[in-house]
N, C-alpha and C. Protein backbone atom coordinates (compact mmCIF):
# COMPACT_ATOMS: atom_id res chain seq x y z
N MET A 1 -10.71 57.60 65.81
CA MET A 1 -10.44 57.85 64.26
C MET A 1 -10.18 56.56 63.67
N PRO A 2 -10.91 56.27 62.66
CA PRO A 2 -10.76 54.73 61.98
C PRO A 2 -9.50 54.90 61.24
N LYS A 3 -8.56 53.43 61.56
CA LYS A 3 -7.46 53.44 60.90
C LYS A 3 -7.35 52.21 60.07
N THR A 4 -6.35 52.35 58.92
CA THR A 4 -6.26 51.15 57.82
C THR A 4 -5.78 50.09 58.70
N ARG A 5 -5.91 48.91 57.90
CA ARG A 5 -5.41 47.70 58.45
C ARG A 5 -4.05 47.78 58.26
N GLU A 6 -3.14 48.38 57.64
CA GLU A 6 -1.67 48.35 57.59
C GLU A 6 -1.35 49.31 58.67
N GLU A 7 -2.11 50.45 59.23
CA GLU A 7 -1.89 51.33 60.28
C GLU A 7 -2.02 50.50 61.80
N VAL A 8 -2.99 49.56 61.66
CA VAL A 8 -3.10 48.47 62.74
C VAL A 8 -2.18 47.62 62.98
N PHE A 9 -1.72 47.07 61.97
CA PHE A 9 -0.69 45.97 61.86
C PHE A 9 0.69 46.75 62.22
N GLU A 10 0.71 48.04 61.98
CA GLU A 10 1.96 48.67 62.27
C GLU A 10 2.24 49.02 63.87
N ALA A 11 0.91 49.23 64.53
CA ALA A 11 0.89 49.50 66.05
C ALA A 11 1.26 47.92 66.43
N VAL A 12 0.82 47.01 66.16
CA VAL A 12 1.04 45.68 66.76
C VAL A 12 2.52 45.62 66.55
N THR A 13 2.98 45.69 65.53
CA THR A 13 4.38 45.40 65.13
C THR A 13 5.35 46.11 66.07
N THR A 14 4.93 47.52 66.31
CA THR A 14 5.68 48.65 67.19
C THR A 14 5.35 47.90 68.73
N GLU A 15 4.31 47.24 69.07
CA GLU A 15 4.23 46.90 70.54
C GLU A 15 4.82 45.62 70.66
N ARG A 16 4.69 44.94 69.57
CA ARG A 16 5.57 43.52 69.69
C ARG A 16 7.04 43.49 69.83
N ASP A 17 7.55 44.63 69.16
CA ASP A 17 9.11 44.95 69.12
C ASP A 17 9.48 45.43 70.51
N TYR A 18 8.71 46.39 71.03
CA TYR A 18 8.82 46.49 72.48
C TYR A 18 8.62 45.43 73.49
N GLN A 19 7.79 44.53 73.40
CA GLN A 19 7.55 43.33 74.33
C GLN A 19 8.82 42.54 74.11
N ILE A 20 9.14 42.31 72.95
CA ILE A 20 10.58 41.47 72.72
C ILE A 20 11.82 42.06 73.64
N GLY A 21 11.84 43.23 73.12
CA GLY A 21 12.85 43.94 74.10
C GLY A 21 12.70 44.15 75.49
N ARG A 22 11.58 44.07 76.10
CA ARG A 22 11.36 44.06 77.48
C ARG A 22 11.27 42.67 77.93
N PHE A 23 10.78 41.59 77.35
CA PHE A 23 10.18 40.47 77.80
C PHE A 23 10.85 39.09 76.90
N GLY A 24 11.46 39.67 76.08
CA GLY A 24 11.97 38.59 75.31
C GLY A 24 12.27 37.09 75.61
N GLU A 25 12.76 36.95 76.91
CA GLU A 25 13.29 35.79 77.24
C GLU A 25 12.13 35.10 78.04
N LEU A 26 11.22 35.91 78.42
CA LEU A 26 10.02 35.23 78.94
C LEU A 26 9.11 34.39 77.83
N ASP A 27 9.17 34.87 76.71
CA ASP A 27 8.67 34.29 75.54
C ASP A 27 8.92 32.93 75.40
N LYS A 28 10.26 32.76 75.81
CA LYS A 28 10.82 31.10 75.39
C LYS A 28 10.23 30.23 76.49
N ILE A 29 9.90 30.79 77.74
CA ILE A 29 9.43 29.59 78.72
C ILE A 29 8.05 30.05 79.13
N ASN A 30 7.01 30.70 78.45
CA ASN A 30 5.74 31.00 78.84
C ASN A 30 5.11 29.58 77.98
N SER A 31 3.86 29.34 78.84
CA SER A 31 2.87 28.14 78.32
C SER A 31 1.91 28.88 77.53
N THR A 32 1.04 28.22 76.95
CA THR A 32 -0.10 28.87 76.28
C THR A 32 -1.17 29.40 77.30
N GLY A 33 -1.08 28.81 78.79
CA GLY A 33 -1.80 29.34 79.45
C GLY A 33 -1.25 30.47 80.27
N ASP A 34 0.05 30.82 80.14
CA ASP A 34 0.60 32.05 80.57
C ASP A 34 0.24 33.19 79.96
N PHE A 35 0.18 32.84 78.44
CA PHE A 35 -0.20 33.97 77.38
C PHE A 35 -1.70 34.35 77.69
N ILE A 36 -2.29 33.19 78.07
CA ILE A 36 -3.76 33.60 78.34
C ILE A 36 -4.34 34.35 79.39
N VAL A 37 -3.44 34.35 80.56
CA VAL A 37 -3.38 34.98 81.73
C VAL A 37 -3.00 36.42 81.39
N TYR A 38 -1.92 36.67 80.87
CA TYR A 38 -1.67 38.04 80.53
C TYR A 38 -2.49 38.69 79.58
N MET A 39 -3.06 37.84 78.58
CA MET A 39 -4.21 38.50 77.82
C MET A 39 -5.54 38.86 78.50
N GLN A 40 -5.68 37.95 79.45
CA GLN A 40 -6.90 38.12 80.63
C GLN A 40 -6.75 39.48 81.31
N ASN A 41 -5.50 39.44 81.71
CA ASN A 41 -5.27 40.86 82.79
C ASN A 41 -5.35 42.04 81.83
N TYR A 42 -4.67 42.07 80.60
CA TYR A 42 -4.87 43.40 80.07
C TYR A 42 -6.51 43.63 79.24
N LEU A 43 -7.06 42.47 79.32
CA LEU A 43 -8.74 42.60 78.76
C LEU A 43 -9.50 43.25 80.09
N ASP A 44 -9.13 42.71 81.28
CA ASP A 44 -9.55 43.25 82.42
C ASP A 44 -9.40 44.78 82.49
N LYS A 45 -8.35 45.15 82.29
CA LYS A 45 -7.81 46.65 82.31
C LYS A 45 -8.64 47.36 81.33
N ALA A 46 -8.81 46.76 79.90
CA ALA A 46 -9.39 47.25 78.95
C ALA A 46 -11.04 47.49 79.33
N ARG A 47 -11.37 46.57 79.97
CA ARG A 47 -13.05 46.64 80.33
C ARG A 47 -12.92 47.72 81.30
N ALA A 48 -12.07 47.99 82.33
CA ALA A 48 -12.22 48.93 83.45
C ALA A 48 -12.13 50.28 82.78
N ALA A 49 -11.21 50.46 81.91
CA ALA A 49 -10.98 51.76 81.23
C ALA A 49 -11.82 52.19 80.20
N ASN A 50 -12.75 51.27 79.69
CA ASN A 50 -13.84 51.50 78.87
C ASN A 50 -14.74 52.58 78.89
N ASP A 51 -14.58 53.76 77.79
CA ASP A 51 -15.51 54.80 77.99
C ASP A 51 -15.82 54.94 76.50
N PRO A 52 -17.27 54.93 76.20
CA PRO A 52 -17.66 55.07 74.76
C PRO A 52 -17.07 56.48 74.35
N GLY A 53 -17.39 57.43 75.24
CA GLY A 53 -16.79 58.87 74.47
C GLY A 53 -15.32 58.86 74.40
N ASN A 54 -14.53 58.04 75.18
CA ASN A 54 -13.07 58.43 74.81
C ASN A 54 -12.43 56.65 74.84
N PRO A 55 -12.40 56.12 73.68
CA PRO A 55 -11.80 54.96 73.82
C PRO A 55 -10.47 54.48 73.77
N GLY A 56 -9.67 55.72 73.72
CA GLY A 56 -8.13 55.63 73.56
C GLY A 56 -7.70 54.87 74.53
N ASP A 57 -8.22 54.99 75.91
CA ASP A 57 -7.34 53.98 77.18
C ASP A 57 -7.73 52.70 76.77
N ALA A 58 -8.90 52.34 76.66
CA ALA A 58 -9.07 50.75 76.30
C ALA A 58 -8.37 50.19 75.07
N LEU A 59 -8.41 50.97 74.18
CA LEU A 59 -7.91 50.60 72.93
C LEU A 59 -6.38 50.29 73.22
N LYS A 60 -5.85 51.03 74.06
CA LYS A 60 -4.15 50.83 74.44
C LYS A 60 -3.93 49.36 75.11
N PHE A 61 -5.10 49.19 75.93
CA PHE A 61 -4.95 47.60 76.36
C PHE A 61 -5.41 46.63 75.50
N ILE A 62 -6.32 46.92 74.52
CA ILE A 62 -6.59 45.93 73.43
C ILE A 62 -5.30 45.53 72.60
N ARG A 63 -4.48 46.54 72.25
CA ARG A 63 -3.35 46.66 71.41
C ARG A 63 -2.61 45.54 72.29
N LYS A 64 -2.46 45.71 73.38
CA LYS A 64 -1.33 44.73 74.27
C LYS A 64 -1.95 43.30 74.18
N VAL A 65 -3.37 43.26 74.29
CA VAL A 65 -3.80 41.98 74.45
C VAL A 65 -3.58 41.17 72.77
N THR A 66 -3.73 41.84 71.59
CA THR A 66 -3.57 41.47 70.58
C THR A 66 -2.24 41.12 70.24
N THR A 67 -1.27 41.80 70.46
CA THR A 67 0.16 41.59 70.41
C THR A 67 0.42 40.29 71.43
N ILE A 68 -0.11 40.24 72.57
CA ILE A 68 0.18 39.09 73.39
C ILE A 68 -0.23 37.67 72.54
N GLY A 69 -1.26 37.92 72.03
CA GLY A 69 -1.90 36.97 70.97
C GLY A 69 -0.83 36.65 70.12
N VAL A 70 -0.36 37.55 69.50
CA VAL A 70 0.89 37.28 68.23
C VAL A 70 1.91 36.65 68.66
N ALA A 71 2.25 36.91 69.87
CA ALA A 71 3.38 36.37 70.71
C ALA A 71 3.19 34.69 70.91
N ALA A 72 1.93 34.34 71.27
CA ALA A 72 1.73 33.26 71.42
C ALA A 72 1.78 32.26 70.17
N MET A 73 1.11 33.03 69.21
CA MET A 73 1.17 32.35 67.81
C MET A 73 2.47 32.25 67.08
N GLU A 74 3.50 33.07 67.47
CA GLU A 74 4.72 32.89 67.19
C GLU A 74 5.56 31.81 67.69
N LYS A 75 4.99 31.71 69.01
CA LYS A 75 5.84 30.49 69.51
C LYS A 75 5.12 29.13 69.34
N PHE A 76 3.84 29.03 69.33
CA PHE A 76 2.80 27.84 69.02
C PHE A 76 2.53 27.65 67.93
N GLY A 77 2.34 28.22 66.95
CA GLY A 77 1.78 28.23 65.81
C GLY A 77 0.47 29.10 65.70
N THR A 78 -0.25 29.04 64.50
CA THR A 78 -1.51 30.00 64.51
C THR A 78 -2.84 29.14 64.33
N GLY A 79 -2.75 27.74 64.83
CA GLY A 79 -3.68 26.67 65.05
C GLY A 79 -4.58 26.25 64.02
N ASN A 80 -3.86 26.51 62.98
CA ASN A 80 -4.43 25.95 61.46
C ASN A 80 -3.96 24.70 61.51
């Protein structure tokens, strides 16, 4: 079911809050390469879980990838 941008951002914010609670100290020591590895790991899981008839499992991993990207940008900037 399609979501609004606000709903998507809320899902990312909720996931980011979870990540900070669980891995907050790691954010301080991770390199950009570390973040890329974490994102690739979850992209691989998303690819494995991909089912066009039921995208929910893959989307859970896509949310994690997106949020890890947010963590990297919080630490290193947006690339602008």
